PDB file of N, CA and C in Angstrom:
ATOM      1  N   MET A   1      17.456 -33.757  25.950  1.00  0.00           N
ATOM      2  CA  MET A   1      18.355 -34.764  26.956  1.00  0.00           C
ATOM      3  C   MET A   1      19.137 -35.443  26.750  1.00  0.00           C
ATOM      4  N   SER A   2      20.774 -34.921  28.069  1.00  0.00           N
ATOM      5  CA  SER A   2      21.783 -35.802  27.204  1.00  0.00           C
ATOM      6  C   SER A   2      21.944 -36.774  28.157  1.00  0.00           C
ATOM      7  N   PRO A   3      22.712 -37.360  27.587  1.00  0.00           N
ATOM      8  CA  PRO A   3      22.737 -39.175  27.598  1.00  0.00           C
ATOM      9  C   PRO A   3      23.102 -39.149  29.659  1.00  0.00           C
ATOM     10  N   SER A   4      24.168 -38.677  30.061  1.00  0.00           N
ATOM     11  CA  SER A   4      24.304 -38.837  31.461  1.00  0.00           C
ATOM     12  C   SER A   4      22.788 -38.651  32.463  1.00  0.00           C
ATOM     13  N   LEU A   5      21.682 -37.296  31.956  1.00  0.00           N
ATOM     14  CA  LEU A   5      20.463 -37.461  32.794  1.00  0.00           C
ATOM     15  C   LEU A   5      19.814 -38.422  32.703  1.00  0.00           C
ATOM     16  N   MET A   6      19.703 -38.860  31.044  1.00  0.00           N
ATOM     17  CA  MET A   6      18.821 -39.787  31.016  1.00  0.00           C
ATOM     18  C   MET A   6      19.140 -41.345  31.857  1.00  0.00           C
ATOM     19  N   LYS A   7      20.988 -41.259  31.916  1.00  0.00           N
ATOM     20  CA  LYS A   7      21.547 -42.610  32.922  1.00  0.00           C
ATOM     21  C   LYS A   7      20.382 -42.246  33.823  1.00  0.00           C
ATOM     22  N   MET A   8      20.572 -40.865  34.339  1.00  0.00           N
ATOM     23  CA  MET A   8      19.823 -41.204  36.019  1.00  0.00           C
ATOM     24  C   MET A   8      18.818 -41.291  36.564  1.00  0.00           C
ATOM     25  N   TRP A   9      17.610 -40.623  35.134  1.00  0.00           N
ATOM     26  CA  TRP A   9      16.533 -41.011  35.567  1.00  0.00           C
ATOM     27  C   TRP A   9      16.186 -42.312  34.974  1.00  0.00           C
ATOM     28  N   ILE A  10      16.841 -43.674  34.260  1.00  0.00           N
ATOM     29  CA  ILE A  10      17.155 -44.814  33.955  1.00  0.00           C
ATOM     30  C   ILE A  10      17.244 -45.708  35.851  1.00  0.00           C
ATOM     31  N   SER A  11      18.114 -44.884  36.405  1.00  0.00           N
ATOM     32  CA  SER A  11      18.493 -45.655  37.346  1.00  0.00           C
ATOM     33  C   SER A  11      17.622 -45.336  38.736  1.00  0.00           C
ATOM     34  N   LEU A  12      17.206 -43.510  38.606  1.00  0.00           N
ATOM     35  CA  LEU A  12      15.793 -43.243  39.721  1.00  0.00           C
ATOM     36  C   LEU A  12      15.052 -44.594  39.841  1.00  0.00           C
ATOM     37  N   ALA A  13      14.357 -44.999  38.562  1.00  0.00           N
ATOM     38  CA  ALA A  13      13.475 -45.587  38.516  1.00  0.00           C
ATOM     39  C   ALA A  13      13.720 -47.323  38.484  1.00  0.00           C
ATOM     40  N   SER A  14      15.044 -47.240  38.273  1.00  0.00           N
ATOM     41  CA  SER A  14      15.444 -48.970  38.938  1.00  0.00           C
ATOM     42  C   SER A  14      15.438 -49.013  40.497  1.00  0.00           C
ATOM     43  N   MET A  15      15.529 -48.121  40.946  1.00  0.00           N
ATOM     44  CA  MET A  15      15.548 -47.839  42.750  1.00  0.00           C
ATOM     45  C   MET A  15      14.138 -47.844  42.926  1.00  0.00           C
ATOM     46  N   GLY A  16      13.263 -47.094  42.212  1.00  0.00           N
ATOM     47  CA  GLY A  16      12.037 -47.157  42.848  1.00  0.00           C
ATOM     48  C   GLY A  16      11.379 -48.627  42.343  1.00  0.00           C
ATOM     49  N   PHE A  17      11.719 -49.279  41.162  1.00  0.00           N
ATOM     50  CA  PHE A  17      11.297 -50.823  41.781  1.00  0.00           C
ATOM     51  C   PHE A  17      11.709 -51.817  42.548  1.00  0.00           C
ATOM     52  N   MET A  18      12.973 -51.120  43.295  1.00  0.00           N
ATOM     53  CA  MET A  18      13.334 -52.203  44.108  1.00  0.00           C
ATOM     54  C   MET A  18      12.746 -51.869  45.385  1.00  0.00           C
ATOM     55  N   PHE A  19      12.455 -50.744  45.808  1.00  0.00           N
ATOM     56  CA  PHE A  19      11.625 -50.070  46.973  1.00  0.00           C
ATOM     57  C   PHE A  19       9.955 -50.739  46.753  1.00  0.00           C
ATOM     58  N   LEU A  20       9.702 -50.484  45.437  1.00  0.00           N
ATOM     59  CA  LEU A  20       8.055 -51.399  45.278  1.00  0.00           C
ATOM     60  C   LEU A  20       7.930 -52.601  46.213  1.00  0.00           C
ATOM     61  N   ALA A  21       9.395 -53.598  45.477  1.00  0.00           N
ATOM     62  CA  ALA A  21       9.133 -55.081  45.200  1.00  0.00           C
ATOM     63  C   ALA A  21       9.478 -55.063  46.915  1.00  0.00           C
ATOM     64  N   ILE A  22      10.141 -54.180  47.510  1.00  0.00           N
ATOM     65  CA  ILE A  22      10.787 -54.415  48.945  1.00  0.00           C
ATOM     66  C   ILE A  22       9.126 -54.299  49.675  1.00  0.00           C
ATOM     67  N   LEU A  23       7.931 -53.214  48.912  1.00  0.00           N
ATOM     68  CA  LEU A  23       6.790 -53.160  49.672  1.00  0.00           C
ATOM     69  C   LEU A  23       5.842 -54.626  49.613  1.00  0.00           C
ATOM     70  N   LEU A  24       5.833 -54.788  48.196  1.00  0.00           N
ATOM     71  CA  LEU A  24       5.402 -55.565  47.681  1.00  0.00           C
ATOM     72  C   LEU A  24       5.531 -57.662  48.430  1.00  0.00           C
ATOM     73  N   ILE A  25       7.004 -57.444  48.633  1.00  0.00           N
ATOM     74  CA  ILE A  25       7.680 -58.829  49.500  1.00  0.00           C
ATOM     75  C   ILE A  25       7.096 -58.415  51.030  1.00  0.00           C
ATOM     76  N   TYR A  26       7.277 -57.499  51.957  1.00  0.00           N
ATOM     77  CA  TYR A  26       6.357 -57.473  53.117  1.00  0.00           C
ATOM     78  C   TYR A  26       4.772 -58.140  53.223  1.00  0.00           C
ATOM     79  N   PHE A  27       4.728 -57.262  51.982  1.00  0.00           N
ATOM     80  CA  PHE A  27       3.385 -57.197  52.086  1.00  0.00           C
ATOM     81  C   PHE A  27       2.323 -59.281  51.909  1.00  0.00           C
ATOM     82  N   SER A  28       3.608 -59.691  50.770  1.00  0.00           N
ATOM     83  CA  SER A  28       2.990 -60.522  50.763  1.00  0.00           C
ATOM     84  C   SER A  28       3.249 -61.977  51.880  1.00  0.00           C
ATOM     85  N   ARG A  29       4.446 -61.325  52.130  1.00  0.00           N
ATOM     86  CA  ARG A  29       5.597 -62.075  53.147  1.00  0.00           C
ATOM     87  C   ARG A  29       3.793 -62.426  55.203  1.00  0.00           C
ATOM     88  N   PHE A  30       3.316 -60.808  55.001  1.00  0.00           N
ATOM     89  CA  PHE A  30       2.734 -60.896  56.003  1.00  0.00           C
ATOM     90  C   PHE A  30       1.506 -60.496  56.138  1.00  0.00           C
ATOM     91  N   LYS A  31       0.778 -60.016  55.763  1.00  0.00           N
ATOM     92  CA  LYS A  31      -0.182 -59.613  55.182  1.00  0.00           C
ATOM     93  C   LYS A  31      -1.496 -60.129  53.878  1.00  0.00           C
ATOM     94  N   LEU A  32      -1.075 -61.192  53.652  1.00  0.00           N
ATOM     95  CA  LEU A  32      -1.806 -61.449  52.483  1.00  0.00           C
ATOM     96  C   LEU A  32      -1.447 -62.861  52.832  1.00  0.00           C
ATOM     97  N   GLY A  33      -2.217 -63.856  51.643  1.00  0.00           N
ATOM     98  CA  GLY A  33      -2.641 -65.138  52.011  1.00  0.00           C
ATOM     99  C   GLY A  33      -3.298 -66.312  50.328  1.00  0.00           C
ATOM    100  N   GLY A  34      -3.011 -67.188  50.486  1.00  0.00           N
ATOM    101  CA  GLY A  34      -4.008 -67.721  49.163  1.00  0.00           C
ATOM    102  C   GLY A  34      -2.608 -66.989  48.298  1.00  0.00           C
ATOM    103  N   VAL A  35      -3.542 -67.086  47.065  1.00  0.00           N
ATOM    104  CA  VAL A  35      -3.494 -66.881  45.486  1.00  0.00           C
ATOM    105  C   VAL A  35      -2.525 -65.321  45.695  1.00  0.00           C
ATOM    106  N   PHE A  36      -3.415 -64.392  46.522  1.00  0.00           N
ATOM    107  CA  PHE A  36      -2.600 -63.051  46.343  1.00  0.00           C
ATOM    108  C   PHE A  36      -1.715 -63.522  46.708  1.00  0.00           C
ATOM    109  N   LYS A  37      -1.013 -64.079  47.960  1.00  0.00           N
ATOM    110  CA  LYS A  37       0.462 -63.469  48.299  1.00  0.00           C
ATOM    111  C   LYS A  37       1.473 -64.435  47.363  1.00  0.00           C
ATOM    112  N   PHE A  38       1.246 -65.382  46.825  1.00  0.00           N
ATOM    113  CA  PHE A  38       1.922 -65.547  45.575  1.00  0.00           C
ATOM    114  C   PHE A  38       2.005 -64.735  44.426  1.00  0.00           C
ATOM    115  N   VAL A  39       1.455 -64.395  44.019  1.00  0.00           N
ATOM    116  CA  VAL A  39       0.966 -63.124  43.034  1.00  0.00           C
ATOM    117  C   VAL A  39       1.828 -62.135  43.009  1.00  0.00           C
ATOM    118  N   THR A  40       1.352 -61.943  44.142  1.00  0.00           N
ATOM    119  CA  THR A  40       2.505 -60.504  45.036  1.00  0.00           C
ATOM    120  C   THR A  40       4.429 -61.087  44.683  1.00  0.00           C
ATOM    121  N   ALA A  41       4.068 -62.262  45.551  1.00  0.00           N
ATOM    122  CA  ALA A  41       5.686 -62.027  45.420  1.00  0.00           C
ATOM    123  C   ALA A  41       6.564 -62.594  44.184  1.00  0.00           C
ATOM    124  N   LEU A  42       5.803 -62.889  43.496  1.00  0.00           N
ATOM    125  CA  LEU A  42       6.518 -63.139  41.703  1.00  0.00           C
ATOM    126  C   LEU A  42       6.970 -61.816  41.183  1.00  0.00           C
ATOM    127  N   VAL A  43       5.391 -60.542  41.494  1.00  0.00           N
ATOM    128  CA  VAL A  43       5.762 -59.339  41.090  1.00  0.00           C
ATOM    129  C   VAL A  43       7.084 -58.946  41.530  1.00  0.00           C
ATOM    130  N   ALA A  44       7.114 -58.884  42.878  1.00  0.00           N
ATOM    131  CA  ALA A  44       7.325 -58.528  43.774  1.00  0.00           C
ATOM    132  C   ALA A  44       9.536 -58.718  43.341  1.00  0.00           C
ATOM    133  N   TYR A  45       9.854 -60.316  43.329  1.00  0.00           N
ATOM    134  CA  TYR A  45      10.347 -60.717  42.729  1.00  0.00           C
ATOM    135  C   TYR A  45      11.046 -60.215  41.570  1.00  0.00           C
ATOM    136  N   ILE A  46      10.282 -60.583  40.338  1.00  0.00           N
ATOM    137  CA  ILE A  46      10.893 -60.007  39.214  1.00  0.00           C
ATOM    138  C   ILE A  46      10.997 -58.273  38.963  1.00  0.00           C
ATOM    139  N   LEU A  47      10.440 -57.657  39.980  1.00  0.00           N
ATOM    140  CA  LEU A  47      11.123 -56.577  40.084  1.00  0.00           C
ATOM    141  C   LEU A  47      11.835 -56.284  40.045  1.00  0.00           C
ATOM    142  N   MET A  48      12.484 -56.947  41.117  1.00  0.00           N
ATOM    143  CA  MET A  48      14.020 -57.097  41.850  1.00  0.00           C
ATOM    144  C   MET A  48      14.478 -57.307  40.945  1.00  0.00           C
ATOM    145  N   ILE A  49      14.566 -58.687  40.073  1.00  0.00           N
ATOM    146  CA  ILE A  49      15.437 -58.648  39.530  1.00  0.00           C
ATOM    147  C   ILE A  49      15.745 -57.757  37.885  1.00  0.00           C
ATOM    148  N   VAL A  50      14.458 -57.280  37.313  1.00  0.00           N
ATOM    149  CA  VAL A  50      14.828 -56.597  36.233  1.00  0.00           C
ATOM    150  C   VAL A  50      15.170 -55.008  36.517  1.00  0.00           C
ATOM    151  N   SER A  51      15.112 -54.913  37.895  1.00  0.00           N
ATOM    152  CA  SER A  51      16.193 -53.418  39.376  1.00  0.00           C
ATOM    153  C   SER A  51      17.437 -54.372  38.820  1.00  0.00           C
ATOM    154  N   GLY A  52      17.799 -55.123  39.010  1.00  0.00           N
ATOM    155  CA  GLY A  52      19.433 -55.372  38.966  1.00  0.00           C
ATOM    156  C   GLY A  52      19.814 -55.292  37.763  1.00  0.00           C
ATOM    157  N   ILE A  53      19.544 -55.672  37.133  1.00  0.00           N
ATOM    158  CA  ILE A  53      19.711 -56.005  35.582  1.00  0.00           C
ATOM    159  C   ILE A  53      20.378 -54.487  35.797  1.00  0.00           C
ATOM    160  N   ILE A  54      18.890 -53.770  35.254  1.00  0.00           N
ATOM    161  CA  ILE A  54      19.257 -51.928  34.893  1.00  0.00           C
ATOM    162  C   ILE A  54      20.397 -51.306  35.404  1.00  0.00           C
ATOM    163  N   ILE A  55      20.558 -51.420  36.570  1.00  0.00           N
ATOM    164  CA  ILE A  55      21.600 -51.004  37.930  1.00  0.00           C
ATOM    165  C   ILE A  55      23.053 -51.593  37.071  1.00  0.00           C
ATOM    166  N   PHE A  56      23.158 -52.489  37.324  1.00  0.00           N
ATOM    167  CA  PHE A  56      24.225 -53.683  35.527  1.00  0.00           C
ATOM    168  C   PHE A  56      24.410 -52.546  34.900  1.00  0.00           C
ATOM    169  N   LEU A  57      23.179 -52.276  33.806  1.00  0.00           N
ATOM    170  CA  LEU A  57      23.349 -51.921  32.601  1.00  0.00           C
ATOM    171  C   LEU A  57      23.545 -50.572  32.719  1.00  0.00           C
ATOM    172  N   VAL A  58      23.480 -49.681  33.780  1.00  0.00           N
ATOM    173  CA  VAL A  58      23.653 -48.461  34.158  1.00  0.00           C
ATOM    174  C   VAL A  58      25.681 -48.515  34.895  1.00  0.00           C
ATOM    175  N   VAL A  59      25.571 -48.919  34.911  1.00  0.00           N
ATOM    176  CA  VAL A  59      26.972 -48.800  35.901  1.00  0.00           C
ATOM    177  C   VAL A  59      28.540 -49.173  35.387  1.00  0.00           C
ATOM    178  N   PHE A  60      27.698 -50.452  34.684  1.00  0.00           N
ATOM    179  CA  PHE A  60      29.120 -50.588  33.579  1.00  0.00           C
ATOM    180  C   PHE A  60      28.835 -49.996  31.984  1.00  0.00           C
ATOM    181  N   SER A  61      28.007 -49.573  32.008  1.00  0.00           N
ATOM    182  CA  SER A  61      27.861 -48.862  30.751  1.00  0.00           C
ATOM    183  C   SER A  61      28.733 -48.019  30.639  1.00  0.00           C
ATOM    184  N   GLY A  62      29.734 -46.985  32.015  1.00  0.00           N
ATOM    185  CA  GLY A  62      30.485 -46.400  31.669  1.00  0.00           C
ATOM    186  C   GLY A  62      30.512 -44.725  31.742  1.00  0.00           C
ATOM    187  N   PRO A  63      31.334 -44.003  31.844  1.00  0.00           N
ATOM    188  CA  PRO A  63      30.881 -43.053  31.982  1.00  0.00           C
ATOM    189  C   PRO A  63      30.419 -42.245  30.607  1.00  0.00           C
ATOM    190  N   THR A  64      29.700 -41.415  31.099  1.00  0.00           N
ATOM    191  CA  THR A  64      29.149 -40.649  29.949  1.00  0.00           C
ATOM    192  C   THR A  64      29.694 -39.466  29.349  1.00  0.00           C
ATOM    193  N   PRO A  65      29.727 -39.160  28.113  1.00  0.00           N
ATOM    194  CA  PRO A  65      30.486 -38.029  27.720  1.00  0.00           C
ATOM    195  C   PRO A  65      29.611 -36.633  28.192  1.00  0.00           C
ATOM    196  N   GLU A  66      30.449 -35.762  28.660  1.00  0.00           N
ATOM    197  CA  GLU A  66      30.485 -34.639  28.959  1.00  0.00           C
ATOM    198  C   GLU A  66      30.327 -34.392  30.212  1.00  0.00           C
TER     199      GLU A  66
END
C-alpha cells in the first residue's frame, strides 16, 4: 500500500471518529441521563480531540512522493 493511500485511510478513519463523536454528543445531551450522559460525553470529546490531532498530523506531514 502506497503512503498516499495509507494517509487517505487514516484521514477517513479520523472523519469517522468525528461523525461518531457528533452522534455521541447528541445522545449525551438529549437522550441520556445520569452516569451514561457523562461517559458518552467523555468518550465523544476524547474521540473529537484524537481525530483533530490525526487530521492535523496528516495535513501538516506534507505531500507524499509519487
